[in-house]
Amino acid sequence: MELKLELGECSGSFDMEKAVCNHGLFMMSPNVWIPSTKSLRRPLRLADSCRSVSVTISHPPDHPFLVIQVQDSLSSADEAAILV
């Protein structure tokens, strides 16, 4: 499943690689930075807080949104929780 998270006003200046690497997120387990695709793989806790899913977050060049690829099926409440 693929979700799109709009970047809003910062879409023109957002640099995912800089955001992830400058803040050290890629070094904190269980996060994994994938340099070849400039994407971040990590677990996200879902709406019920009892379950998590593995996601890969990327920012396609020249697009005003992040792409969140989810490795599992989601309820509409889970989708909403991820996109908030």
N, C-alpha and C. Protein backbone atom coordinates (compact mmCIF):
# COMPACT_ATOMS: atom_id res chain seq x y z
N MET A 1 0.85 -1.17 0.00
CA MET A 1 0.00 0.00 0.00
C MET A 1 0.90 1.23 0.00
N GLU A 2 0.47 2.25 -0.73
CA GLU A 2 1.25 3.48 -0.83
C GLU A 2 0.39 4.66 -0.41
N LEU A 3 0.90 5.45 0.54
CA LEU A 3 0.23 6.66 1.00
C LEU A 3 1.05 7.86 0.57
N LYS A 4 0.38 9.00 0.38
CA LYS A 4 1.08 10.24 0.05
C LYS A 4 0.79 11.27 1.12
N LEU A 5 1.86 11.85 1.66
CA LEU A 5 1.75 12.87 2.69
C LEU A 5 2.20 14.20 2.10
N GLU A 6 1.27 15.12 1.93
CA GLU A 6 1.56 16.43 1.35
C GLU A 6 2.53 17.20 2.26
N LEU A 7 3.48 17.91 1.65
CA LEU A 7 4.46 18.68 2.40
C LEU A 7 4.02 20.11 2.66
N GLY A 8 3.00 20.56 1.96
CA GLY A 8 2.49 21.91 2.18
C GLY A 8 3.47 22.99 1.79
N GLU A 9 3.56 24.02 2.62
CA GLU A 9 4.38 25.19 2.32
C GLU A 9 5.86 24.88 2.15
N CYS A 10 6.36 23.86 2.79
CA CYS A 10 7.79 23.57 2.72
C CYS A 10 8.16 22.67 1.53
N SER A 11 7.20 22.37 0.68
CA SER A 11 7.47 21.42 -0.41
C SER A 11 8.59 21.85 -1.34
N GLY A 12 8.76 23.15 -1.56
CA GLY A 12 9.80 23.63 -2.46
C GLY A 12 11.19 23.56 -1.88
N SER A 13 11.31 23.57 -0.57
CA SER A 13 12.63 23.59 0.06
C SER A 13 12.95 22.32 0.84
N PHE A 14 12.03 21.39 0.91
CA PHE A 14 12.25 20.19 1.72
C PHE A 14 13.31 19.28 1.10
N ASP A 15 14.25 18.82 1.91
CA ASP A 15 15.30 17.90 1.48
C ASP A 15 15.29 16.74 2.47
N MET A 16 14.71 15.63 2.06
CA MET A 16 14.56 14.49 2.97
C MET A 16 15.90 13.98 3.47
N GLU A 17 16.87 13.85 2.57
CA GLU A 17 18.19 13.36 2.99
C GLU A 17 18.78 14.25 4.08
N LYS A 18 18.69 15.53 3.91
CA LYS A 18 19.21 16.46 4.90
C LYS A 18 18.43 16.35 6.21
N ALA A 19 17.11 16.26 6.11
CA ALA A 19 16.28 16.16 7.32
C ALA A 19 16.60 14.90 8.11
N VAL A 20 16.74 13.78 7.43
CA VAL A 20 17.01 12.51 8.12
C VAL A 20 18.44 12.47 8.64
N CYS A 21 19.40 12.78 7.79
CA CYS A 21 20.80 12.62 8.16
C CYS A 21 21.29 13.71 9.12
N ASN A 22 20.80 14.95 9.00
CA ASN A 22 21.23 16.01 9.91
C ASN A 22 20.71 15.82 11.32
N HIS A 23 19.60 15.14 11.46
CA HIS A 23 19.03 14.94 12.78
C HIS A 23 19.36 13.58 13.38
N GLY A 24 20.17 12.80 12.69
CA GLY A 24 20.63 11.53 13.22
C GLY A 24 19.60 10.43 13.26
N LEU A 25 18.43 10.64 12.64
CA LEU A 25 17.40 9.61 12.68
C LEU A 25 17.85 8.29 12.07
N PHE A 26 18.70 8.38 11.05
CA PHE A 26 19.12 7.16 10.36
C PHE A 26 20.02 6.29 11.23
N MET A 27 20.59 6.85 12.28
CA MET A 27 21.49 6.09 13.15
C MET A 27 20.77 5.45 14.32
N MET A 28 19.51 5.77 14.51
CA MET A 28 18.77 5.27 15.66
C MET A 28 17.99 4.01 15.29
N SER A 29 18.36 2.90 15.87
CA SER A 29 17.67 1.64 15.62
C SER A 29 16.23 1.75 16.09
N PRO A 30 15.31 1.21 15.37
CA PRO A 30 15.39 0.30 14.24
C PRO A 30 15.32 1.00 12.88
N ASN A 31 15.58 2.31 12.82
CA ASN A 31 15.56 3.04 11.55
C ASN A 31 16.71 2.61 10.67
N VAL A 32 16.48 2.61 9.35
CA VAL A 32 17.52 2.27 8.39
C VAL A 32 17.45 3.28 7.24
N TRP A 33 18.53 4.01 7.00
CA TRP A 33 18.62 4.92 5.87
C TRP A 33 19.18 4.14 4.68
N ILE A 34 18.53 4.24 3.53
CA ILE A 34 18.96 3.54 2.32
C ILE A 34 19.49 4.60 1.35
N PRO A 35 20.81 4.80 1.30
CA PRO A 35 21.38 5.88 0.49
C PRO A 35 21.06 5.77 -1.00
N SER A 36 21.00 4.57 -1.54
CA SER A 36 20.78 4.41 -2.98
C SER A 36 19.42 4.93 -3.43
N THR A 37 18.43 4.88 -2.55
CA THR A 37 17.09 5.37 -2.90
C THR A 37 16.69 6.60 -2.09
N LYS A 38 17.59 7.04 -1.21
CA LYS A 38 17.32 8.17 -0.32
C LYS A 38 15.99 7.99 0.39
N SER A 39 15.85 6.83 1.01
CA SER A 39 14.61 6.52 1.72
C SER A 39 14.92 6.01 3.12
N LEU A 40 13.94 6.13 4.00
CA LEU A 40 14.07 5.72 5.39
C LEU A 40 13.09 4.59 5.66
N ARG A 41 13.61 3.47 6.16
CA ARG A 41 12.76 2.34 6.54
C ARG A 41 12.68 2.34 8.06
N ARG A 42 11.44 2.20 8.58
CA ARG A 42 11.25 2.19 10.03
C ARG A 42 9.88 1.63 10.38
N PRO A 43 9.70 1.19 11.61
CA PRO A 43 8.36 0.76 12.03
C PRO A 43 7.54 1.98 12.45
N LEU A 44 6.24 1.90 12.26
CA LEU A 44 5.32 2.93 12.75
C LEU A 44 4.23 2.25 13.56
N ARG A 45 3.93 2.82 14.71
CA ARG A 45 2.85 2.31 15.54
C ARG A 45 1.52 2.78 14.95
N LEU A 46 0.54 1.90 14.94
CA LEU A 46 -0.75 2.20 14.33
C LEU A 46 -1.71 2.83 15.32
N ALA A 47 -2.91 3.14 14.85
CA ALA A 47 -3.90 3.88 15.62
C ALA A 47 -4.23 3.23 16.96
N ASP A 48 -4.28 1.91 17.01
CA ASP A 48 -4.64 1.22 18.26
C ASP A 48 -3.46 1.10 19.22
N SER A 49 -2.28 1.50 18.81
CA SER A 49 -1.05 1.47 19.61
C SER A 49 -0.60 0.07 20.01
N CYS A 50 -1.30 -0.95 19.54
CA CYS A 50 -0.93 -2.32 19.89
C CYS A 50 -0.16 -3.00 18.76
N ARG A 51 -0.19 -2.40 17.60
CA ARG A 51 0.41 -3.04 16.43
C ARG A 51 1.23 -2.00 15.69
N SER A 52 2.29 -2.46 15.04
CA SER A 52 3.08 -1.58 14.21
C SER A 52 3.30 -2.24 12.85
N VAL A 53 3.67 -1.42 11.88
CA VAL A 53 3.97 -1.92 10.54
C VAL A 53 5.30 -1.33 10.09
N SER A 54 5.94 -2.02 9.19
CA SER A 54 7.17 -1.52 8.59
C SER A 54 6.81 -0.63 7.41
N VAL A 55 7.43 0.56 7.36
CA VAL A 55 7.19 1.48 6.26
C VAL A 55 8.51 1.93 5.66
N THR A 56 8.44 2.36 4.42
CA THR A 56 9.58 2.99 3.76
C THR A 56 9.11 4.35 3.30
N ILE A 57 9.82 5.40 3.74
CA ILE A 57 9.43 6.77 3.44
C ILE A 57 10.43 7.36 2.46
N SER A 58 9.92 7.95 1.39
CA SER A 58 10.79 8.56 0.39
C SER A 58 10.17 9.87 -0.10
N HIS A 59 10.99 10.67 -0.77
CA HIS A 59 10.52 11.93 -1.34
C HIS A 59 10.91 11.96 -2.81
N PRO A 60 9.97 11.65 -3.69
CA PRO A 60 10.29 11.68 -5.12
C PRO A 60 10.73 13.09 -5.53
N PRO A 61 11.77 13.19 -6.35
CA PRO A 61 12.25 14.51 -6.78
C PRO A 61 11.13 15.34 -7.42
N ASP A 62 11.10 16.61 -7.04
CA ASP A 62 10.16 17.58 -7.61
C ASP A 62 8.69 17.25 -7.36
N HIS A 63 8.40 16.52 -6.28
CA HIS A 63 7.02 16.24 -5.91
C HIS A 63 6.72 16.90 -4.55
N PRO A 64 5.52 17.42 -4.37
CA PRO A 64 5.17 18.13 -3.13
C PRO A 64 4.67 17.20 -2.02
N PHE A 65 5.11 15.95 -2.01
CA PHE A 65 4.64 15.00 -1.01
C PHE A 65 5.71 13.96 -0.73
N LEU A 66 5.55 13.30 0.42
CA LEU A 66 6.35 12.12 0.76
C LEU A 66 5.54 10.90 0.36
N VAL A 67 6.23 9.85 -0.03
CA VAL A 67 5.58 8.58 -0.31
C VAL A 67 5.87 7.65 0.86
N ILE A 68 4.84 7.08 1.42
CA ILE A 68 4.97 6.13 2.53
C ILE A 68 4.48 4.78 2.04
N GLN A 69 5.41 3.87 1.85
CA GLN A 69 5.06 2.52 1.41
C GLN A 69 4.91 1.65 2.64
N VAL A 70 3.73 1.08 2.78
CA VAL A 70 3.41 0.26 3.96
C VAL A 70 3.45 -1.20 3.55
N GLN A 71 4.09 -2.01 4.38
CA GLN A 71 4.30 -3.42 4.06
C GLN A 71 3.15 -4.31 4.53
N ASP A 72 2.00 -3.73 4.86
CA ASP A 72 0.88 -4.49 5.40
C ASP A 72 -0.42 -3.78 5.01
N SER A 73 -1.55 -4.42 5.26
CA SER A 73 -2.82 -3.76 5.00
C SER A 73 -3.18 -2.87 6.19
N LEU A 74 -3.94 -1.81 5.91
CA LEU A 74 -4.28 -0.84 6.95
C LEU A 74 -5.77 -0.57 6.97
N SER A 75 -6.27 -0.23 8.14
CA SER A 75 -7.64 0.27 8.25
C SER A 75 -7.61 1.76 7.93
N SER A 76 -8.78 2.35 7.74
CA SER A 76 -8.82 3.79 7.47
C SER A 76 -8.33 4.58 8.69
N ALA A 77 -8.56 4.07 9.90
CA ALA A 77 -8.06 4.74 11.11
C ALA A 77 -6.54 4.70 11.15
N ASP A 78 -5.96 3.57 10.72
CA ASP A 78 -4.49 3.46 10.67
C ASP A 78 -3.91 4.43 9.64
N GLU A 79 -4.53 4.51 8.47
CA GLU A 79 -4.08 5.45 7.43
C GLU A 79 -4.10 6.88 7.97
N ALA A 80 -5.18 7.23 8.62
CA ALA A 80 -5.31 8.58 9.16
C ALA A 80 -4.24 8.84 10.22
N ALA A 81 -3.96 7.86 11.08
CA ALA A 81 -2.94 8.03 12.11
C ALA A 81 -1.55 8.23 11.50
N ILE A 82 -1.26 7.54 10.42
CA ILE A 82 0.04 7.68 9.76
C ILE A 82 0.16 9.06 9.11
N LEU A 83 -0.91 9.54 8.53
CA LEU A 83 -0.85 10.79 7.77
C LEU A 83 -1.02 12.05 8.63
N VAL A 84 -1.25 11.90 9.91
CA VAL A 84 -1.39 13.06 10.80
C VAL A 84 -0.04 13.62 11.13
